[in-house]
C-alpha atoms as a PDB file:
ATOM      1  CA  MET A   1       0.000   0.000   0.000  1.00  0.00           C
ATOM      2  CA  THR A   2       1.333   3.357  -0.992  1.00  0.00           C
ATOM      3  CA  GLN A   3       1.912   5.808   1.811  1.00  0.00           C
ATOM      4  CA  TYR A   4       2.402   9.527   1.359  1.00  0.00           C
ATOM      5  CA  ILE A   5       3.986  12.131   3.570  1.00  0.00           C
ATOM      6  CA  ASP A   6       2.839  15.687   4.015  1.00  0.00           C
ATOM      7  CA  LYS A   7       5.532  17.774   2.306  1.00  0.00           C
ATOM      8  CA  SER A   8       4.477  20.960   4.119  1.00  0.00           C
ATOM      9  CA  ALA A   9       4.896  19.230   7.487  1.00  0.00           C
ATOM     10  CA  VAL A  10       8.432  18.115   6.558  1.00  0.00           C
ATOM     11  CA  VAL A  11       9.320  21.615   5.361  1.00  0.00           C
ATOM     12  CA  ALA A  12       7.923  23.127   8.569  1.00  0.00           C
ATOM     13  CA  GLU A  13       9.989  20.750  10.718  1.00  0.00           C
ATOM     14  CA  ILE A  14      13.181  21.559   8.779  1.00  0.00           C
ATOM     15  CA  GLU A  15      12.487  25.284   9.164  1.00  0.00           C
ATOM     16  CA  ARG A  16      11.919  24.813  12.904  1.00  0.00           C
ATOM     17  CA  LEU A  17      15.226  22.978  13.274  1.00  0.00           C
ATOM     18  CA  HIS A  18      17.042  25.594  11.192  1.00  0.00           C
ATOM     19  CA  LYS A  19      15.722  28.417  13.399  1.00  0.00           C
ATOM     20  CA  GLU A  20      16.726  26.472  16.493  1.00  0.00           C
ATOM     21  CA  TRP A  21      20.337  26.019  15.357  1.00  0.00           C
ATOM     22  CA  ARG A  22      21.095  29.184  13.399  1.00  0.00           C
ATOM     23  CA  TRP A  23      21.763  31.203  16.567  1.00  0.00           C
ATOM     24  CA  HIS A  24      24.519  28.848  17.688  1.00  0.00           C
ATOM     25  CA  SER A  25      28.060  29.647  16.683  1.00  0.00           C
ATOM     26  CA  SER A  26      29.566  26.165  16.892  1.00  0.00           C
ATOM     27  CA  THR A  27      30.890  24.276  13.897  1.00  0.00           C
ATOM     28  CA  GLU A  28      28.159  21.687  14.396  1.00  0.00           C
ATOM     29  CA  ALA A  29      25.456  24.375  14.255  1.00  0.00           C
ATOM     30  CA  LYS A  30      26.881  25.814  11.029  1.00  0.00           C
ATOM     31  CA  TYR A  31      27.030  22.319   9.525  1.00  0.00           C
ATOM     32  CA  ARG A  32      23.431  21.567  10.581  1.00  0.00           C
ATOM     33  CA  CYS A  33      22.163  24.851   9.138  1.00  0.00           C
ATOM     34  CA  GLU A  34      23.860  24.060   5.841  1.00  0.00           C
ATOM     35  CA  VAL A  35      22.269  20.594   5.782  1.00  0.00           C
ATOM     36  CA  TYR A  36      18.843  22.080   6.556  1.00  0.00           C
ATOM     37  CA  ARG A  37      19.254  24.616   3.753  1.00  0.00           C
ATOM     38  CA  GLU A  38      20.238  21.863   1.290  1.00  0.00           C
ATOM     39  CA  LEU A  39      17.295  19.732   2.395  1.00  0.00           C
ATOM     40  CA  SER A  40      14.926  22.649   1.846  1.00  0.00           C
ATOM     41  CA  GLU A  41      16.330  23.212  -1.640  1.00  0.00           C
ATOM     42  CA  PHE A  42      15.936  19.526  -2.433  1.00  0.00           C
ATOM     43  CA  LEU A  43      12.334  19.463  -1.187  1.00  0.00           C
ATOM     44  CA  ASP A  44      11.545  22.423  -3.427  1.00  0.00           C
ATOM     45  CA  THR A  45      12.386  20.226  -6.436  1.00  0.00           C
ATOM     46  CA  LEU A  46       9.895  17.495  -5.469  1.00  0.00           C
ATOM     47  CA  LYS A  47       6.493  17.405  -7.073  1.00  0.00           C
ATOM     48  CA  VAL A  48       3.523  17.197  -4.759  1.00  0.00           C
ATOM     49  CA  LYS A  49       0.771  14.699  -5.426  1.00  0.00           C
ATOM     50  CA  GLU A  50      -2.628  15.646  -4.131  1.00  0.00           C
ATOM     51  CA  VAL A  51      -4.338  12.705  -2.494  1.00  0.00           C
ATOM     52  CA  ASP A  52      -8.083  12.496  -2.817  1.00  0.00           C
ATOM     53  CA  GLU A  53      -9.038  10.739   0.417  1.00  0.00           C
ATOM     54  CA  GLU A  54     -12.690  10.408  -0.605  1.00  0.00           C
ATOM     55  CA  TYR A  55     -11.732   8.698  -3.877  1.00  0.00           C
ATOM     56  CA  ASN A  56      -9.311   6.372  -2.081  1.00  0.00           C
ATOM     57  CA  GLY A  57     -11.998   5.433   0.425  1.00  0.00           C
ATOM     58  CA  LYS A  58     -14.537   4.735  -2.318  1.00  0.00           C
ATOM     59  CA  ALA A  59     -12.011   2.658  -4.264  1.00  0.00           C
ATOM     60  CA  MET A  60     -11.164   0.580  -1.191  1.00  0.00           C
ATOM     61  CA  LEU A  61     -14.866   0.082  -0.434  1.00  0.00           C
ATOM     62  CA  HIS A  62     -15.452  -1.082  -4.025  1.00  0.00           C
ATOM     63  CA  VAL A  63     -12.619  -3.629  -3.778  1.00  0.00           C
ATOM     64  CA  LEU A  64     -13.928  -4.843  -0.422  1.00  0.00           C
ATOM     65  CA  GLU A  65     -17.466  -5.259  -1.777  1.00  0.00           C
ATOM     66  CA  LYS A  66     -16.155  -7.205  -4.794  1.00  0.00           C
ATOM     67  CA  GLY A  67     -14.183  -9.489  -2.488  1.00  0.00           C
ATOM     68  CA  VAL A  68     -17.203 -10.118  -0.274  1.00  0.00           C
ATOM     69  CA  LYS A  69     -19.357 -10.985  -3.307  1.00  0.00           C
ATOM     70  CA  GLN A  70     -16.691 -13.349  -4.674  1.00  0.00           C
ATOM     71  CA  GLY A  71     -16.266 -15.021  -1.285  1.00  0.00           C
ATOM     72  CA  ARG A  72     -20.005 -15.456  -0.920  1.00  0.00           C
ATOM     73  CA  ARG A  73     -20.229 -17.065  -4.393  1.00  0.00           C
ATOM     74  CA  GLU A  74     -17.435 -19.460  -3.504  1.00  0.00           C
ATOM     75  CA  ILE A  75     -19.116 -20.468  -0.232  1.00  0.00           C
ATOM     76  CA  ILE A  76     -22.448 -21.083  -1.978  1.00  0.00           C
ATOM     77  CA  ASN A  77     -20.701 -23.134  -4.684  1.00  0.00           C
ATOM     78  CA  ARG A  78     -18.940 -25.253  -2.063  1.00  0.00           C
ATOM     79  CA  ALA A  79     -22.174 -25.793  -0.148  1.00  0.00           C
ATOM     80  CA  CYS A  80     -23.992 -26.855  -3.338  1.00  0.00           C
ATOM     81  CA  LYS A  81     -21.168 -29.226  -4.244  1.00  0.00           C
ATOM     82  CA  TRP A  82     -21.293 -30.769  -0.766  1.00  0.00           C
ATOM     83  CA  LEU A  83     -25.095 -31.029  -0.896  1.00  0.00           C
ATOM     84  CA  ARG A  84     -24.988 -32.707  -4.323  1.00  0.00           C
ATOM     85  CA  LYS A  85     -22.448 -35.232  -3.029  1.00  0.00           C
ATOM     86  CA  GLU A  86     -24.414 -35.985   0.134  1.00  0.00           C
ATOM     87  CA  LEU A  87     -27.808 -36.304  -1.571  1.00  0.00           C
ATOM     88  CA  VAL A  88     -26.718 -39.342  -3.583  1.00  0.00           C
ATOM     89  CA  ASN A  89     -26.417 -41.228  -0.281  1.00  0.00           C
ATOM     90  CA  PHE A  90     -30.176 -40.962   0.357  1.00  0.00           C
ATOM     91  CA  GLU A  91     -32.580 -43.590  -1.041  1.00  0.00           C
ATOM     92  CA  ASP A  92     -35.233 -40.931  -1.749  1.00  0.00           C
ATOM     93  CA  TYR A  93     -32.843 -38.973  -3.986  1.00  0.00           C
ATOM     94  CA  SER A  94     -34.640 -39.965  -7.229  1.00  0.00           C
ATOM     95  CA  GLY A  95     -33.535 -36.914  -9.217  1.00  0.00           C
ATOM     96  CA  MET A  96     -35.081 -34.325  -6.900  1.00  0.00           C
ATOM     97  CA  GLY A  97     -31.640 -33.232  -5.715  1.00  0.00           C
ATOM     98  CA  GLU A  98     -30.882 -30.773  -8.515  1.00  0.00           C
ATOM     99  CA  GLU A  99     -34.156 -28.949  -7.895  1.00  0.00           C
ATOM    100  CA  LEU A 100     -33.361 -28.808  -4.176  1.00  0.00           C
ATOM    101  CA  ILE A 101     -29.840 -27.539  -4.893  1.00  0.00           C
ATOM    102  CA  SER A 102     -31.220 -24.885  -7.267  1.00  0.00           C
ATOM    103  CA  ASP A 103     -33.707 -23.732  -4.616  1.00  0.00           C
ATOM    104  CA  PHE A 104     -30.951 -23.756  -1.993  1.00  0.00           C
ATOM    105  CA  ARG A 105     -28.689 -21.624  -4.229  1.00  0.00           C
ATOM    106  CA  LYS A 106     -31.477 -19.075  -4.831  1.00  0.00           C
ATOM    107  CA  ALA A 107     -32.232 -18.855  -1.126  1.00  0.00           C
ATOM    108  CA  MET A 108     -28.569 -18.316  -0.266  1.00  0.00           C
ATOM    109  CA  GLU A 109     -28.085 -15.655  -2.956  1.00  0.00           C
ATOM    110  CA  GLU A 110     -30.990 -13.540  -1.684  1.00  0.00           C
END
């Protein structure tokens, strides 16, 4: 699953760190400020992709619904297969089994 980060939040954090360190006079502070500046320049080159949360939610719901329907079909098919196999063991089977299985399938699909 693709995950996105909020570019503005990253930029804000880099700016916060830069402000925190720019008042220090140590070599480490100067190095950090240079790194923060380079990071900011790099982030400016990145394209931002807008994420439509509503669309993503609808797409995930669609996939979930399709999966539920497929799973339900598979369960009904397995139950009908089992029923067909078991009905041949009864003496009163006499060809009525397919009608019973058809009725069973319809009832389960409703």
